[in-house]
Amino acid sequence: MLVKVTSKRQVTFPARVLAAMGVGPGDRLSLEEGPDGFLLRPQRIDPTRLAPLRDKLRRGRGSFDVAAFREQTYDPALRD
């Protein structure tokens, strides 16, 4: 399978490839160099980085308001 690199160094993957990897818009991919070339993997969430959210989630007491959470200030150390 071939993919084209644009002048802005962007690549578009076929939808079936992304579906098989379990990624969608906004997800991140990890590109790792190995002895046989490069390996592309979905970037999974590190559960240890979710600790600041622990007091924001209420098990069994309604849903989490993502829009309100996004409007709150955050600790810059949590950014990638």
PDB file of N, CA and C in Angstrom:
ATOM      1  N   MET A   1       0.848  -1.169   0.000  1.00  0.00           N
ATOM      2  CA  MET A   1       0.000   0.000   0.000  1.00  0.00           C
ATOM      3  C   MET A   1       0.894   1.232   0.000  1.00  0.00           C
ATOM      4  N   LEU A   2       0.562   2.167  -0.833  1.00  0.00           N
ATOM      5  CA  LEU A   2       1.319   3.409  -0.925  1.00  0.00           C
ATOM      6  C   LEU A   2       0.472   4.562  -0.417  1.00  0.00           C
ATOM      7  N   VAL A   3       1.124   5.496   0.238  1.00  0.00           N
ATOM      8  CA  VAL A   3       0.487   6.744   0.644  1.00  0.00           C
ATOM      9  C   VAL A   3       1.351   7.881   0.117  1.00  0.00           C
ATOM     10  N   LYS A   4       0.720   9.006  -0.135  1.00  0.00           N
ATOM     11  CA  LYS A   4       1.421  10.151  -0.711  1.00  0.00           C
ATOM     12  C   LYS A   4       1.751  11.171   0.372  1.00  0.00           C
ATOM     13  N   VAL A   5       2.936  11.745   0.298  1.00  0.00           N
ATOM     14  CA  VAL A   5       3.363  12.819   1.197  1.00  0.00           C
ATOM     15  C   VAL A   5       3.142  14.135   0.462  1.00  0.00           C
ATOM     16  N   THR A   6       2.413  15.065   1.105  1.00  0.00           N
ATOM     17  CA  THR A   6       2.140  16.356   0.477  1.00  0.00           C
ATOM     18  C   THR A   6       3.330  17.286   0.631  1.00  0.00           C
ATOM     19  N   SER A   7       3.238  18.457   0.022  1.00  0.00           N
ATOM     20  CA  SER A   7       4.313  19.451   0.128  1.00  0.00           C
ATOM     21  C   SER A   7       4.492  19.936   1.568  1.00  0.00           C
ATOM     22  N   LYS A   8       3.444  19.771   2.404  1.00  0.00           N
ATOM     23  CA  LYS A   8       3.524  20.150   3.814  1.00  0.00           C
ATOM     24  C   LYS A   8       3.942  18.958   4.691  1.00  0.00           C
ATOM     25  N   ARG A   9       4.410  17.886   4.055  1.00  0.00           N
ATOM     26  CA  ARG A   9       4.860  16.665   4.743  1.00  0.00           C
ATOM     27  C   ARG A   9       3.724  15.961   5.473  1.00  0.00           C
ATOM     28  N   GLN A  10       2.520  16.096   4.985  1.00  0.00           N
ATOM     29  CA  GLN A  10       1.365  15.426   5.578  1.00  0.00           C
ATOM     30  C   GLN A  10       1.061  14.159   4.794  1.00  0.00           C
ATOM     31  N   VAL A  11       0.530  13.169   5.515  1.00  0.00           N
ATOM     32  CA  VAL A  11       0.190  11.891   4.903  1.00  0.00           C
ATOM     33  C   VAL A  11      -1.251  11.563   5.258  1.00  0.00           C
ATOM     34  N   THR A  12      -2.003  11.058   4.300  1.00  0.00           N
ATOM     35  CA  THR A  12      -3.369  10.607   4.544  1.00  0.00           C
ATOM     36  C   THR A  12      -3.380   9.082   4.458  1.00  0.00           C
ATOM     37  N   PHE A  13      -3.844   8.438   5.541  1.00  0.00           N
ATOM     38  CA  PHE A  13      -3.942   6.984   5.571  1.00  0.00           C
ATOM     39  C   PHE A  13      -5.352   6.566   5.162  1.00  0.00           C
ATOM     40  N   PRO A  14      -5.478   5.430   4.480  1.00  0.00           N
ATOM     41  CA  PRO A  14      -6.817   4.936   4.162  1.00  0.00           C
ATOM     42  C   PRO A  14      -7.624   4.702   5.438  1.00  0.00           C
ATOM     43  N   ALA A  15      -8.932   4.939   5.350  1.00  0.00           N
ATOM     44  CA  ALA A  15      -9.814   4.796   6.515  1.00  0.00           C
ATOM     45  C   ALA A  15      -9.733   3.398   7.115  1.00  0.00           C
ATOM     46  N   ARG A  16      -9.621   2.384   6.279  1.00  0.00           N
ATOM     47  CA  ARG A  16      -9.580   1.018   6.818  1.00  0.00           C
ATOM     48  C   ARG A  16      -8.317   0.752   7.638  1.00  0.00           C
ATOM     49  N   VAL A  17      -7.227   1.418   7.303  1.00  0.00           N
ATOM     50  CA  VAL A  17      -5.990   1.268   8.076  1.00  0.00           C
ATOM     51  C   VAL A  17      -6.169   1.900   9.455  1.00  0.00           C
ATOM     52  N   LEU A  18      -6.713   3.112   9.486  1.00  0.00           N
ATOM     53  CA  LEU A  18      -6.924   3.789  10.765  1.00  0.00           C
ATOM     54  C   LEU A  18      -7.951   3.048  11.621  1.00  0.00           C
ATOM     55  N   ALA A  19      -8.984   2.499  10.988  1.00  0.00           N
ATOM     56  CA  ALA A  19      -9.983   1.731  11.726  1.00  0.00           C
ATOM     57  C   ALA A  19      -9.353   0.479  12.324  1.00  0.00           C
ATOM     58  N   ALA A  20      -8.492  -0.174  11.575  1.00  0.00           N
ATOM     59  CA  ALA A  20      -7.818  -1.372  12.080  1.00  0.00           C
ATOM     60  C   ALA A  20      -6.886  -1.042  13.242  1.00  0.00           C
ATOM     61  N   MET A  21      -6.308   0.170  13.221  1.00  0.00           N
ATOM     62  CA  MET A  21      -5.430   0.599  14.313  1.00  0.00           C
ATOM     63  C   MET A  21      -6.223   1.128  15.495  1.00  0.00           C
ATOM     64  N   GLY A  22      -7.494   1.418  15.283  1.00  0.00           N
ATOM     65  CA  GLY A  22      -8.326   1.946  16.360  1.00  0.00           C
ATOM     66  C   GLY A  22      -8.086   3.410  16.653  1.00  0.00           C
ATOM     67  N   VAL A  23      -7.715   4.175  15.636  1.00  0.00           N
ATOM     68  CA  VAL A  23      -7.470   5.603  15.830  1.00  0.00           C
ATOM     69  C   VAL A  23      -8.465   6.422  15.016  1.00  0.00           C
ATOM     70  N   GLY A  24      -8.661   7.659  15.444  1.00  0.00           N
ATOM     71  CA  GLY A  24      -9.565   8.561  14.762  1.00  0.00           C
ATOM     72  C   GLY A  24      -9.022   9.978  14.800  1.00  0.00           C
ATOM     73  N   PRO A  25      -9.820  10.943  14.359  1.00  0.00           N
ATOM     74  CA  PRO A  25      -9.381  12.339  14.358  1.00  0.00           C
ATOM     75  C   PRO A  25      -8.941  12.797  15.749  1.00  0.00           C
ATOM     76  N   GLY A  26      -7.793  13.438  15.809  1.00  0.00           N
ATOM     77  CA  GLY A  26      -7.280  13.946  17.077  1.00  0.00           C
ATOM     78  C   GLY A  26      -6.392  12.969  17.833  1.00  0.00           C
ATOM     79  N   ASP A  27      -6.423  11.683  17.473  1.00  0.00           N
ATOM     80  CA  ASP A  27      -5.556  10.704  18.142  1.00  0.00           C
ATOM     81  C   ASP A  27      -4.118  10.901  17.681  1.00  0.00           C
ATOM     82  N   ARG A  28      -3.209  10.379  18.461  1.00  0.00           N
ATOM     83  CA  ARG A  28      -1.788  10.498  18.132  1.00  0.00           C
ATOM     84  C   ARG A  28      -1.226   9.142  17.749  1.00  0.00           C
ATOM     85  N   LEU A  29      -0.229   9.186  16.866  1.00  0.00           N
ATOM     86  CA  LEU A  29       0.468   7.976  16.457  1.00  0.00           C
ATOM     87  C   LEU A  29       1.924   8.095  16.874  1.00  0.00           C
ATOM     88  N   SER A  30       2.486   6.988  17.310  1.00  0.00           N
ATOM     89  CA  SER A  30       3.885   6.947  17.708  1.00  0.00           C
ATOM     90  C   SER A  30       4.689   6.359  16.558  1.00  0.00           C
ATOM     91  N   LEU A  31       5.751   7.027  16.160  1.00  0.00           N
ATOM     92  CA  LEU A  31       6.627   6.564  15.095  1.00  0.00           C
ATOM     93  C   LEU A  31       7.964   6.193  15.726  1.00  0.00           C
ATOM     94  N   GLU A  32       8.303   4.905  15.676  1.00  0.00           N
ATOM     95  CA  GLU A  32       9.521   4.409  16.320  1.00  0.00           C
ATOM     96  C   GLU A  32      10.475   3.844  15.273  1.00  0.00           C
ATOM     97  N   GLU A  33      11.738   4.228  15.382  1.00  0.00           N
ATOM     98  CA  GLU A  33      12.739   3.717  14.450  1.00  0.00           C
ATOM     99  C   GLU A  33      13.290   2.409  14.977  1.00  0.00           C
ATOM    100  N   GLY A  34      13.372   1.426  14.109  1.00  0.00           N
ATOM    101  CA  GLY A  34      13.900   0.119  14.473  1.00  0.00           C
ATOM    102  C   GLY A  34      14.907  -0.339  13.429  1.00  0.00           C
ATOM    103  N   PRO A  35      15.476  -1.519  13.622  1.00  0.00           N
ATOM    104  CA  PRO A  35      16.497  -2.006  12.687  1.00  0.00           C
ATOM    105  C   PRO A  35      15.947  -2.285  11.281  1.00  0.00           C
ATOM    106  N   ASP A  36      14.658  -2.559  11.170  1.00  0.00           N
ATOM    107  CA  ASP A  36      14.059  -2.876   9.870  1.00  0.00           C
ATOM    108  C   ASP A  36      13.295  -1.706   9.263  1.00  0.00           C
ATOM    109  N   GLY A  37      13.373  -0.537   9.870  1.00  0.00           N
ATOM    110  CA  GLY A  37      12.652   0.632   9.378  1.00  0.00           C
ATOM    111  C   GLY A  37      11.883   1.304  10.499  1.00  0.00           C
ATOM    112  N   PHE A  38      10.770   1.906  10.152  1.00  0.00           N
ATOM    113  CA  PHE A  38       9.969   2.621  11.137  1.00  0.00           C
ATOM    114  C   PHE A  38       8.695   1.847  11.440  1.00  0.00           C
ATOM    115  N   LEU A  39       8.256   1.941  12.676  1.00  0.00           N
ATOM    116  CA  LEU A  39       7.046   1.274  13.132  1.00  0.00           C
ATOM    117  C   LEU A  39       6.058   2.333  13.601  1.00  0.00           C
ATOM    118  N   LEU A  40       4.848   2.273  13.080  1.00  0.00           N
ATOM    119  CA  LEU A  40       3.802   3.233  13.419  1.00  0.00           C
ATOM    120  C   LEU A  40       2.793   2.549  14.327  1.00  0.00           C
ATOM    121  N   ARG A  41       2.571   3.126  15.514  1.00  0.00           N
ATOM    122  CA  ARG A  41       1.651   2.554  16.493  1.00  0.00           C
ATOM    123  C   ARG A  41       0.746   3.643  17.036  1.00  0.00           C
ATOM    124  N   PRO A  42      -0.480   3.247  17.431  1.00  0.00           N
ATOM    125  CA  PRO A  42      -1.342   4.231  18.098  1.00  0.00           C
ATOM    126  C   PRO A  42      -0.749   4.597  19.446  1.00  0.00           C
ATOM    127  N   GLN A  43      -0.811   5.880  19.786  1.00  0.00           N
ATOM    128  CA  GLN A  43      -0.304   6.327  21.086  1.00  0.00           C
ATOM    129  C   GLN A  43      -1.398   6.099  22.112  1.00  0.00           C
ATOM    130  N   ARG A  44      -1.168   5.226  23.028  1.00  0.00           N
ATOM    131  CA  ARG A  44      -2.156   4.906  24.052  1.00  0.00           C
ATOM    132  C   ARG A  44      -2.024   5.862  25.232  1.00  0.00           C
ATOM    133  N   ILE A  45      -3.093   6.032  25.956  1.00  0.00           N
ATOM    134  CA  ILE A  45      -3.109   6.922  27.119  1.00  0.00           C
ATOM    135  C   ILE A  45      -2.324   6.282  28.257  1.00  0.00           C
ATOM    136  N   ASP A  46      -1.460   7.053  28.874  1.00  0.00           N
ATOM    137  CA  ASP A  46      -0.718   6.602  30.044  1.00  0.00           C
ATOM    138  C   ASP A  46      -1.603   6.845  31.261  1.00  0.00           C
ATOM    139  N   PRO A  47      -2.104   5.778  31.901  1.00  0.00           N
ATOM    140  CA  PRO A  47      -3.037   5.952  33.024  1.00  0.00           C
ATOM    141  C   PRO A  47      -2.475   6.776  34.175  1.00  0.00           C
ATOM    142  N   THR A  48      -1.168   6.800  34.343  1.00  0.00           N
ATOM    143  CA  THR A  48      -0.587   7.564  35.452  1.00  0.00           C
ATOM    144  C   THR A  48      -0.761   9.066  35.241  1.00  0.00           C
ATOM    145  N   ARG A  49      -0.938   9.496  33.992  1.00  0.00           N
ATOM    146  CA  ARG A  49      -1.118  10.920  33.719  1.00  0.00           C
ATOM    147  C   ARG A  49      -2.552  11.368  33.944  1.00  0.00           C
ATOM    148  N   LEU A  50      -3.457  10.426  34.223  1.00  0.00           N
ATOM    149  CA  LEU A  50      -4.857  10.763  34.448  1.00  0.00           C
ATOM    150  C   LEU A  50      -5.167  11.054  35.914  1.00  0.00           C
ATOM    151  N   ALA A  51      -4.198  10.919  36.788  1.00  0.00           N
ATOM    152  CA  ALA A  51      -4.421  11.124  38.217  1.00  0.00           C
ATOM    153  C   ALA A  51      -5.074  12.472  38.534  1.00  0.00           C
ATOM    154  N   PRO A  52      -4.714  13.579  37.870  1.00  0.00           N
ATOM    155  CA  PRO A  52      -5.382  14.853  38.182  1.00  0.00           C
ATOM    156  C   PRO A  52      -6.882  14.840  37.892  1.00  0.00           C
ATOM    157  N   LEU A  53      -7.360  13.909  37.089  1.00  0.00           N
ATOM    158  CA  LEU A  53      -8.782  13.841  36.761  1.00  0.00           C
ATOM    159  C   LEU A  53      -9.586  13.054  37.791  1.00  0.00           C
ATOM    160  N   ARG A  54      -8.899  12.380  38.693  1.00  0.00           N
ATOM    161  CA  ARG A  54      -9.566  11.474  39.629  1.00  0.00           C
ATOM    162  C   ARG A  54     -10.706  12.160  40.388  1.00  0.00           C
ATOM    163  N   ASP A  55     -10.488  13.374  40.874  1.00  0.00           N
ATOM    164  CA  ASP A  55     -11.540  14.054  41.642  1.00  0.00           C
ATOM    165  C   ASP A  55     -12.591  14.706  40.735  1.00  0.00           C
ATOM    166  N   LYS A  56     -12.366  14.723  39.427  1.00  0.00           N
ATOM    167  CA  LYS A  56     -13.321  15.296  38.480  1.00  0.00           C
ATOM    168  C   LYS A  56     -14.380  14.281  38.047  1.00  0.00           C
ATOM    169  N   LEU A  57     -14.048  13.003  38.109  1.00  0.00           N
ATOM    170  CA  LEU A  57     -14.957  11.949  37.672  1.00  0.00           C
ATOM    171  C   LEU A  57     -15.748  11.424  38.859  1.00  0.00           C
ATOM    172  N   ARG A  58     -17.061  11.321  38.676  1.00  0.00           N
ATOM    173  CA  ARG A  58     -17.923  10.870  39.763  1.00  0.00           C
ATOM    174  C   ARG A  58     -18.603   9.572  39.350  1.00  0.00           C
ATOM    175  N   ARG A  59     -18.134   8.486  39.866  1.00  0.00           N
ATOM    176  CA  ARG A  59     -18.702   7.194  39.522  1.00  0.00           C
ATOM    177  C   ARG A  59     -20.122   7.085  40.062  1.00  0.00           C
ATOM    178  N   GLY A  60     -21.057   6.782  39.159  1.00  0.00           N
ATOM    179  CA  GLY A  60     -22.434   6.576  39.566  1.00  0.00           C
ATOM    180  C   GLY A  60     -23.225   7.844  39.842  1.00  0.00           C
ATOM    181  N   ARG A  61     -22.663   9.025  39.584  1.00  0.00           N
ATOM    182  CA  ARG A  61     -23.379  10.282  39.865  1.00  0.00           C
ATOM    183  C   ARG A  61     -23.481  11.145  38.612  1.00  0.00           C
ATOM    184  N   GLY A  62     -24.022  10.590  37.535  1.00  0.00           N
ATOM    185  CA  GLY A  62     -24.200  11.375  36.322  1.00  0.00           C
ATOM    186  C   GLY A  62     -22.997  11.318  35.408  1.00  0.00           C
ATOM    187  N   SER A  63     -23.070  12.076  34.333  1.00  0.00           N
ATOM    188  CA  SER A  63     -22.006  12.055  33.340  1.00  0.00           C
ATOM    189  C   SER A  63     -21.012  13.187  33.582  1.00  0.00           C
ATOM    190  N   PHE A  64     -19.876  13.060  32.958  1.00  0.00           N
ATOM    191  CA  PHE A  64     -18.803  14.038  33.048  1.00  0.00           C
ATOM    192  C   PHE A  64     -19.012  15.106  31.981  1.00  0.00           C
ATOM    193  N   ASP A  65     -18.960  16.379  32.341  1.00  0.00           N
ATOM    194  CA  ASP A  65     -19.160  17.475  31.398  1.00  0.00           C
ATOM    195  C   ASP A  65     -17.814  17.852  30.758  1.00  0.00           C
ATOM    196  N   VAL A  66     -17.554  17.297  29.578  1.00  0.00           N
ATOM    197  CA  VAL A  66     -16.283  17.512  28.902  1.00  0.00           C
ATOM    198  C   VAL A  66     -16.110  18.990  28.529  1.00  0.00           C
ATOM    199  N   ALA A  67     -17.154  19.635  28.057  1.00  0.00           N
ATOM    200  CA  ALA A  67     -17.057  21.042  27.648  1.00  0.00           C
ATOM    201  C   ALA A  67     -16.639  21.921  28.824  1.00  0.00           C
ATOM    202  N   ALA A  68     -17.235  21.704  29.993  1.00  0.00           N
ATOM    203  CA  ALA A  68     -16.867  22.495  31.168  1.00  0.00           C
ATOM    204  C   ALA A  68     -15.430  22.211  31.589  1.00  0.00           C
ATOM    205  N   PHE A  69     -15.027  20.952  31.492  1.00  0.00           N
ATOM    206  CA  PHE A  69     -13.660  20.590  31.867  1.00  0.00           C
ATOM    207  C   PHE A  69     -12.636  21.259  30.947  1.00  0.00           C
ATOM    208  N   ARG A  70     -12.943  21.324  29.655  1.00  0.00           N
ATOM    209  CA  ARG A  70     -12.016  21.942  28.706  1.00  0.00           C
ATOM    210  C   ARG A  70     -11.854  23.431  28.950  1.00  0.00           C
ATOM    211  N   GLU A  71     -12.839  24.072  29.541  1.00  0.00           N
ATOM    212  CA  GLU A  71     -12.777  25.506  29.815  1.00  0.00           C
ATOM    213  C   GLU A  71     -11.964  25.823  31.066  1.00  0.00           C
ATOM    214  N   GLN A  72     -11.720  24.830  31.916  1.00  0.00           N
ATOM    215  CA  GLN A  72     -10.976  25.059  33.156  1.00  0.00           C
ATOM    216  C   GLN A  72      -9.487  25.225  32.858  1.00  0.00           C
ATOM    217  N   THR A  73      -8.799  25.884  33.762  1.00  0.00           N
ATOM    218  CA  THR A  73      -7.348  26.002  33.627  1.00  0.00           C
ATOM    219  C   THR A  73      -6.722  24.640  33.887  1.00  0.00           C
ATOM    220  N   TYR A  74      -5.511  24.474  33.402  1.00  0.00           N
ATOM    221  CA  TYR A  74      -4.834  23.190  33.538  1.00  0.00           C
ATOM    222  C   TYR A  74      -3.377  23.411  33.924  1.00  0.00           C
ATOM    223  N   ASP A  75      -2.769  22.338  34.366  1.00  0.00           N
ATOM    224  CA  ASP A  75      -1.367  22.353  34.729  1.00  0.00           C
ATOM    225  C   ASP A  75      -0.552  22.150  33.444  1.00  0.00           C
ATOM    226  N   PRO A  76       0.267  23.107  33.014  1.00  0.00           N
ATOM    227  CA  PRO A  76       1.040  22.967  31.769  1.00  0.00           C
ATOM    228  C   PRO A  76       1.947  21.733  31.773  1.00  0.00           C
ATOM    229  N   ALA A  77       2.293  21.215  32.925  1.00  0.00           N
ATOM    230  CA  ALA A  77       3.153  20.032  32.982  1.00  0.00           C
ATOM    231  C   ALA A  77       2.440  18.798  32.433  1.00  0.00           C
ATOM    232  N   LEU A  78       1.122  18.849  32.287  1.00  0.00           N
ATOM    233  CA  LEU A  78       0.375  17.713  31.782  1.00  0.00           C
ATOM    234  C   LEU A  78       0.357  17.655  30.264  1.00  0.00           C
ATOM    235  N   ARG A  79       0.798  18.711  29.609  1.00  0.00           N
ATOM    236  CA  ARG A  79       0.799  18.741  28.140  1.00  0.00           C
ATOM    237  C   ARG A  79       1.886  17.833  27.591  1.00  0.00           C
ATOM    238  N   ASP A  80       1.672  17.349  26.359  1.00  0.00           N
ATOM    239  CA  ASP A  80       2.689  16.508  25.691  1.00  0.00           C
ATOM    240  C   ASP A  80       3.841  17.352  25.236  1.00  0.00           C
TER     241      ASP A  80
END
